[in-house]
Amino acid sequence: MNLNTDLKGKAAIVTGSTSGIGLGIAKALAKAGAHIMINGFGKPEEIEALRKDFENMCGKAVYNSADMTK
């Protein structure tokens, strides 16, 4: 995914963003400058590593483990 827009100062919540398509979408948004809230399941240490990677891309990244199916 290539976003031809500047999303600096915007925020995005991407569900299912700890793997697969959701992860790819979150990375594209972060590269475009959006602050990211990642969400999904996985090992805490792997999620923290992902969060730090996003923080390096966009400046602000947080994780929320909410189960969106409930």
PDB file of N, CA and C in Angstrom:
ATOM      1  N   MET A   1       0.853  -1.178   0.000  1.00  0.00           N
ATOM      2  CA  MET A   1       0.000   0.000   0.000  1.00  0.00           C
ATOM      3  C   MET A   1       0.891   1.229   0.000  1.00  0.00           C
ATOM      4  N   ASN A   2       0.616   2.135  -0.903  1.00  0.00           N
ATOM      5  CA  ASN A   2       1.379   3.367  -0.995  1.00  0.00           C
ATOM      6  C   ASN A   2       0.410   4.536  -0.867  1.00  0.00           C
ATOM      7  N   LEU A   3       0.556   5.285   0.194  1.00  0.00           N
ATOM      8  CA  LEU A   3      -0.317   6.436   0.399  1.00  0.00           C
ATOM      9  C   LEU A   3       0.390   7.679  -0.103  1.00  0.00           C
ATOM     10  N   ASN A   4      -0.214   8.371  -1.019  1.00  0.00           N
ATOM     11  CA  ASN A   4       0.366   9.599  -1.554  1.00  0.00           C
ATOM     12  C   ASN A   4      -0.205  10.804  -0.835  1.00  0.00           C
ATOM     13  N   THR A   5      -0.143  10.768   0.473  1.00  0.00           N
ATOM     14  CA  THR A   5      -0.683  11.853   1.264  1.00  0.00           C
ATOM     15  C   THR A   5       0.137  12.007   2.537  1.00  0.00           C
ATOM     16  N   ASP A   6       0.082  13.178   3.109  1.00  0.00           N
ATOM     17  CA  ASP A   6       0.781  13.457   4.357  1.00  0.00           C
ATOM     18  C   ASP A   6      -0.221  13.350   5.500  1.00  0.00           C
ATOM     19  N   LEU A   7      -0.009  12.403   6.386  1.00  0.00           N
ATOM     20  CA  LEU A   7      -0.928  12.196   7.506  1.00  0.00           C
ATOM     21  C   LEU A   7      -0.358  12.687   8.834  1.00  0.00           C
ATOM     22  N   LYS A   8       0.666  13.533   8.779  1.00  0.00           N
ATOM     23  CA  LYS A   8       1.254  14.048  10.015  1.00  0.00           C
ATOM     24  C   LYS A   8       0.204  14.770  10.838  1.00  0.00           C
ATOM     25  N   GLY A   9       0.183  14.449  12.132  1.00  0.00           N
ATOM     26  CA  GLY A   9      -0.783  15.062  13.036  1.00  0.00           C
ATOM     27  C   GLY A   9      -2.112  14.325  13.100  1.00  0.00           C
ATOM     28  N   LYS A  10      -2.291  13.339  12.269  1.00  0.00           N
ATOM     29  CA  LYS A  10      -3.512  12.530  12.277  1.00  0.00           C
ATOM     30  C   LYS A  10      -3.255  11.267  13.082  1.00  0.00           C
ATOM     31  N   ALA A  11      -4.308  10.596  13.492  1.00  0.00           N
ATOM     32  CA  ALA A  11      -4.176   9.355  14.252  1.00  0.00           C
ATOM     33  C   ALA A  11      -5.016   8.267  13.589  1.00  0.00           C
ATOM     34  N   ALA A  12      -4.526   7.034  13.686  1.00  0.00           N
ATOM     35  CA  ALA A  12      -5.251   5.902  13.098  1.00  0.00           C
ATOM     36  C   ALA A  12      -5.286   4.753  14.091  1.00  0.00           C
ATOM     37  N   ILE A  13      -6.463   4.151  14.226  1.00  0.00           N
ATOM     38  CA  ILE A  13      -6.616   2.920  14.988  1.00  0.00           C
ATOM     39  C   ILE A  13      -6.797   1.819  13.956  1.00  0.00           C
ATOM     40  N   VAL A  14      -5.905   0.830  14.004  1.00  0.00           N
ATOM     41  CA  VAL A  14      -5.970  -0.249  13.024  1.00  0.00           C
ATOM     42  C   VAL A  14      -6.175  -1.564  13.769  1.00  0.00           C
ATOM     43  N   THR A  15      -7.362  -2.136  13.640  1.00  0.00           N
ATOM     44  CA  THR A  15      -7.632  -3.402  14.308  1.00  0.00           C
ATOM     45  C   THR A  15      -6.948  -4.529  13.550  1.00  0.00           C
ATOM     46  N   GLY A  16      -6.573  -5.555  14.285  1.00  0.00           N
ATOM     47  CA  GLY A  16      -5.889  -6.691  13.670  1.00  0.00           C
ATOM     48  C   GLY A  16      -4.540  -6.315  13.109  1.00  0.00           C
ATOM     49  N   SER A  17      -3.871  -5.351  13.732  1.00  0.00           N
ATOM     50  CA  SER A  17      -2.643  -4.808  13.156  1.00  0.00           C
ATOM     51  C   SER A  17      -1.362  -5.417  13.711  1.00  0.00           C
ATOM     52  N   THR A  18      -1.472  -6.551  14.386  1.00  0.00           N
ATOM     53  CA  THR A  18      -0.249  -7.208  14.861  1.00  0.00           C
ATOM     54  C   THR A  18       0.244  -8.251  13.872  1.00  0.00           C
ATOM     55  N   SER A  19      -0.502  -8.455  12.772  1.00  0.00           N
ATOM     56  CA  SER A  19      -0.056  -9.394  11.736  1.00  0.00           C
ATOM     57  C   SER A  19      -0.861  -9.181  10.460  1.00  0.00           C
ATOM     58  N   GLY A  20      -0.409  -9.790   9.392  1.00  0.00           N
ATOM     59  CA  GLY A  20      -1.146  -9.844   8.137  1.00  0.00           C
ATOM     60  C   GLY A  20      -1.479  -8.507   7.506  1.00  0.00           C
ATOM     61  N   ILE A  21      -2.673  -8.454   6.922  1.00  0.00           N
ATOM     62  CA  ILE A  21      -3.113  -7.262   6.198  1.00  0.00           C
ATOM     63  C   ILE A  21      -3.184  -6.049   7.122  1.00  0.00           C
ATOM     64  N   GLY A  22      -3.696  -6.243   8.337  1.00  0.00           N
ATOM     65  CA  GLY A  22      -3.785  -5.134   9.282  1.00  0.00           C
ATOM     66  C   GLY A  22      -2.431  -4.526   9.589  1.00  0.00           C
ATOM     67  N   LEU A  23      -1.417  -5.370   9.731  1.00  0.00           N
ATOM     68  CA  LEU A  23      -0.058  -4.890   9.978  1.00  0.00           C
ATOM     69  C   LEU A  23       0.434  -4.080   8.782  1.00  0.00           C
ATOM     70  N   GLY A  24       0.173  -4.563   7.583  1.00  0.00           N
ATOM     71  CA  GLY A  24       0.592  -3.840   6.380  1.00  0.00           C
ATOM     72  C   GLY A  24      -0.074  -2.480   6.267  1.00  0.00           C
ATOM     73  N   ILE A  25      -1.356  -2.423   6.583  1.00  0.00           N
ATOM     74  CA  ILE A  25      -2.081  -1.150   6.536  1.00  0.00           C
ATOM     75  C   ILE A  25      -1.530  -0.191   7.582  1.00  0.00           C
ATOM     76  N   ALA A  26      -1.300  -0.675   8.792  1.00  0.00           N
ATOM     77  CA  ALA A  26      -0.765   0.174   9.859  1.00  0.00           C
ATOM     78  C   ALA A  26       0.608   0.716   9.483  1.00  0.00           C
ATOM     79  N   LYS A  27       1.451  -0.103   8.864  1.00  0.00           N
ATOM     80  CA  LYS A  27       2.781   0.357   8.444  1.00  0.00           C
ATOM     81  C   LYS A  27       2.668   1.453   7.389  1.00  0.00           C
ATOM     82  N   ALA A  28       1.769   1.276   6.439  1.00  0.00           N
ATOM     83  CA  ALA A  28       1.594   2.297   5.401  1.00  0.00           C
ATOM     84  C   ALA A  28       1.123   3.620   6.005  1.00  0.00           C
ATOM     85  N   LEU A  29       0.190   3.556   6.938  1.00  0.00           N
ATOM     86  CA  LEU A  29      -0.292   4.765   7.604  1.00  0.00           C
ATOM     87  C   LEU A  29       0.816   5.432   8.414  1.00  0.00           C
ATOM     88  N   ALA A  30       1.603   4.642   9.124  1.00  0.00           N
ATOM     89  CA  ALA A  30       2.710   5.183   9.919  1.00  0.00           C
ATOM     90  C   ALA A  30       3.757   5.837   9.023  1.00  0.00           C
ATOM     91  N   LYS A  31       4.074   5.204   7.902  1.00  0.00           N
ATOM     92  CA  LYS A  31       5.057   5.773   6.969  1.00  0.00           C
ATOM     93  C   LYS A  31       4.565   7.086   6.380  1.00  0.00           C
ATOM     94  N   ALA A  32       3.239   7.235   6.292  1.00  0.00           N
ATOM     95  CA  ALA A  32       2.655   8.488   5.804  1.00  0.00           C
ATOM     96  C   ALA A  32       2.585   9.539   6.909  1.00  0.00           C
ATOM     97  N   GLY A  33       2.992   9.172   8.139  1.00  0.00           N
ATOM     98  CA  GLY A  33       3.082  10.135   9.229  1.00  0.00           C
ATOM     99  C   GLY A  33       2.030  10.042  10.309  1.00  0.00           C
ATOM    100  N   ALA A  34       1.058   9.153  10.169  1.00  0.00           N
ATOM    101  CA  ALA A  34      -0.010   9.060  11.173  1.00  0.00           C
ATOM    102  C   ALA A  34       0.488   8.415  12.457  1.00  0.00           C
ATOM    103  N   HIS A  35      -0.004   8.908  13.586  1.00  0.00           N
ATOM    104  CA  HIS A  35       0.206   8.235  14.856  1.00  0.00           C
ATOM    105  C   HIS A  35      -0.654   6.970  14.811  1.00  0.00           C
ATOM    106  N   ILE A  36      -0.174   5.894  15.409  1.00  0.00           N
ATOM    107  CA  ILE A  36      -0.844   4.607  15.266  1.00  0.00           C
ATOM    108  C   ILE A  36      -1.233   3.998  16.609  1.00  0.00           C
ATOM    109  N   MET A  37      -2.446   3.460  16.669  1.00  0.00           N
ATOM    110  CA  MET A  37      -2.827   2.575  17.764  1.00  0.00           C
ATOM    111  C   MET A  37      -2.948   1.190  17.150  1.00  0.00           C
ATOM    112  N   ILE A  38      -2.061   0.287  17.568  1.00  0.00           N
ATOM    113  CA  ILE A  38      -2.141  -1.080  17.071  1.00  0.00           C
ATOM    114  C   ILE A  38      -3.029  -1.891  18.006  1.00  0.00           C
ATOM    115  N   ASN A  39      -3.606  -2.934  17.430  1.00  0.00           N
ATOM    116  CA  ASN A  39      -4.549  -3.760  18.174  1.00  0.00           C
ATOM    117  C   ASN A  39      -4.478  -5.166  17.609  1.00  0.00           C
ATOM    118  N   GLY A  40      -4.482  -6.142  18.480  1.00  0.00           N
ATOM    119  CA  GLY A  40      -4.478  -7.527  18.037  1.00  0.00           C
ATOM    120  C   GLY A  40      -3.957  -8.431  19.134  1.00  0.00           C
ATOM    121  N   PHE A  41      -3.701  -9.660  18.755  1.00  0.00           N
ATOM    122  CA  PHE A  41      -3.244 -10.663  19.715  1.00  0.00           C
ATOM    123  C   PHE A  41      -1.816 -11.074  19.407  1.00  0.00           C
ATOM    124  N   GLY A  42      -1.131 -11.574  20.415  1.00  0.00           N
ATOM    125  CA  GLY A  42       0.230 -12.059  20.235  1.00  0.00           C
ATOM    126  C   GLY A  42       0.984 -12.046  21.542  1.00  0.00           C
ATOM    127  N   LYS A  43       2.232 -12.439  21.455  1.00  0.00           N
ATOM    128  CA  LYS A  43       3.096 -12.448  22.633  1.00  0.00           C
ATOM    129  C   LYS A  43       3.442 -11.015  23.016  1.00  0.00           C
ATOM    130  N   PRO A  44       3.366 -10.691  24.308  1.00  0.00           N
ATOM    131  CA  PRO A  44       3.622  -9.316  24.746  1.00  0.00           C
ATOM    132  C   PRO A  44       4.960  -8.747  24.257  1.00  0.00           C
ATOM    133  N   GLU A  45       6.007  -9.564  24.286  1.00  0.00           N
ATOM    134  CA  GLU A  45       7.319  -9.042  23.861  1.00  0.00           C
ATOM    135  C   GLU A  45       7.356  -8.760  22.356  1.00  0.00           C
ATOM    136  N   GLU A  46       6.633  -9.529  21.567  1.00  0.00           N
ATOM    137  CA  GLU A  46       6.587  -9.282  20.123  1.00  0.00           C
ATOM    138  C   GLU A  46       5.754  -8.034  19.808  1.00  0.00           C
ATOM    139  N   ILE A  47       4.676  -7.860  20.559  1.00  0.00           N
ATOM    140  CA  ILE A  47       3.840  -6.674  20.370  1.00  0.00           C
ATOM    141  C   ILE A  47       4.599  -5.423  20.768  1.00  0.00           C
ATOM    142  N   GLU A  48       5.356  -5.485  21.852  1.00  0.00           N
ATOM    143  CA  GLU A  48       6.137  -4.319  22.270  1.00  0.00           C
ATOM    144  C   GLU A  48       7.196  -3.982  21.228  1.00  0.00           C
ATOM    145  N   ALA A  49       7.822  -4.986  20.637  1.00  0.00           N
ATOM    146  CA  ALA A  49       8.803  -4.737  19.575  1.00  0.00           C
ATOM    147  C   ALA A  49       8.125  -4.063  18.373  1.00  0.00           C
ATOM    148  N   LEU A  50       6.939  -4.528  18.021  1.00  0.00           N
ATOM    149  CA  LEU A  50       6.176  -3.893  16.933  1.00  0.00           C
ATOM    150  C   LEU A  50       5.853  -2.448  17.263  1.00  0.00           C
ATOM    151  N   ARG A  51       5.395  -2.219  18.490  1.00  0.00           N
ATOM    152  CA  ARG A  51       5.043  -0.859  18.912  1.00  0.00           C
ATOM    153  C   ARG A  51       6.235   0.066  18.791  1.00  0.00           C
ATOM    154  N   LYS A  52       7.411  -0.411  19.210  1.00  0.00           N
ATOM    155  CA  LYS A  52       8.623   0.405  19.112  1.00  0.00           C
ATOM    156  C   LYS A  52       8.986   0.685  17.659  1.00  0.00           C
ATOM    157  N   ASP A  53       8.812  -0.309  16.794  1.00  0.00           N
ATOM    158  CA  ASP A  53       9.060  -0.099  15.362  1.00  0.00           C
ATOM    159  C   ASP A  53       8.148   0.995  14.818  1.00  0.00           C
ATOM    160  N   PHE A  54       6.868   0.938  15.196  1.00  0.00           N
ATOM    161  CA  PHE A  54       5.934   1.970  14.750  1.00  0.00           C
ATOM    162  C   PHE A  54       6.326   3.339  15.297  1.00  0.00           C
ATOM    163  N   GLU A  55       6.734   3.375  16.535  1.00  0.00           N
ATOM    164  CA  GLU A  55       7.137   4.631  17.149  1.00  0.00           C
ATOM    165  C   GLU A  55       8.307   5.249  16.386  1.00  0.00           C
ATOM    166  N   ASN A  56       9.231   4.417  15.935  1.00  0.00           N
ATOM    167  CA  ASN A  56      10.358   4.912  15.142  1.00  0.00           C
ATOM    168  C   ASN A  56       9.903   5.457  13.793  1.00  0.00           C
ATOM    169  N   MET A  57       8.829   4.911  13.255  1.00  0.00           N
ATOM    170  CA  MET A  57       8.309   5.360  11.956  1.00  0.00           C
ATOM    171  C   MET A  57       7.527   6.657  12.072  1.00  0.00           C
ATOM    172  N   CYS A  58       6.686   6.746  13.109  1.00  0.00           N
ATOM    173  CA  CYS A  58       5.720   7.849  13.123  1.00  0.00           C
ATOM    174  C   CYS A  58       5.771   8.735  14.356  1.00  0.00           C
ATOM    175  N   GLY A  59       6.588   8.407  15.336  1.00  0.00           N
ATOM    176  CA  GLY A  59       6.718   9.254  16.512  1.00  0.00           C
ATOM    177  C   GLY A  59       5.852   8.867  17.695  1.00  0.00           C
ATOM    178  N   LYS A  60       4.648   8.398  17.457  1.00  0.00           N
ATOM    179  CA  LYS A  60       3.779   7.999  18.565  1.00  0.00           C
ATOM    180  C   LYS A  60       3.021   6.746  18.173  1.00  0.00           C
ATOM    181  N   ALA A  61       3.167   5.717  18.997  1.00  0.00           N
ATOM    182  CA  ALA A  61       2.465   4.463  18.746  1.00  0.00           C
ATOM    183  C   ALA A  61       2.092   3.837  20.078  1.00  0.00           C
ATOM    184  N   VAL A  62       0.865   3.393  20.176  1.00  0.00           N
ATOM    185  CA  VAL A  62       0.385   2.741  21.391  1.00  0.00           C
ATOM    186  C   VAL A  62      -0.291   1.428  21.012  1.00  0.00           C
ATOM    187  N   TYR A  63      -0.461   0.574  22.001  1.00  0.00           N
ATOM    188  CA  TYR A  63      -1.105  -0.716  21.791  1.00  0.00           C
ATOM    189  C   TYR A  63      -2.301  -0.839  22.715  1.00  0.00           C
ATOM    190  N   ASN A  64      -3.390  -1.391  22.198  1.00  0.00           N
ATOM    191  CA  ASN A  64      -4.553  -1.702  23.006  1.00  0.00           C
ATOM    192  C   ASN A  64      -5.003  -3.105  22.643  1.00  0.00           C
ATOM    193  N   SER A  65      -5.205  -3.937  23.636  1.00  0.00           N
ATOM    194  CA  SER A  65      -5.514  -5.350  23.401  1.00  0.00           C
ATOM    195  C   SER A  65      -7.011  -5.632  23.315  1.00  0.00           C
ATOM    196  N   ALA A  66      -7.830  -4.613  23.174  1.00  0.00           N
ATOM    197  CA  ALA A  66      -9.282  -4.813  23.150  1.00  0.00           C
ATOM    198  C   ALA A  66      -9.686  -5.873  22.129  1.00  0.00           C
ATOM    199  N   ASP A  67     -10.599  -6.752  22.543  1.00  0.00           N
ATOM    200  CA  ASP A  67     -11.132  -7.773  21.655  1.00  0.00           C
ATOM    201  C   ASP A  67     -12.329  -7.173  20.935  1.00  0.00           C
ATOM    202  N   MET A  68     -12.151  -6.848  19.677  1.00  0.00           N
ATOM    203  CA  MET A  68     -13.186  -6.151  18.907  1.00  0.00           C
ATOM    204  C   MET A  68     -14.379  -7.035  18.566  1.00  0.00           C
ATOM    205  N   THR A  69     -14.283  -8.340  18.865  1.00  0.00           N
ATOM    206  CA  THR A  69     -15.416  -9.226  18.595  1.00  0.00           C
ATOM    207  C   THR A  69     -16.461  -9.172  19.702  1.00  0.00           C
ATOM    208  N   LYS A  70     -16.142  -8.497  20.791  1.00  0.00           N
ATOM    209  CA  LYS A  70     -17.069  -8.432  21.925  1.00  0.00           C
ATOM    210  C   LYS A  70     -17.709  -7.070  22.059  1.00  0.00           C
TER     211      LYS A  70
END
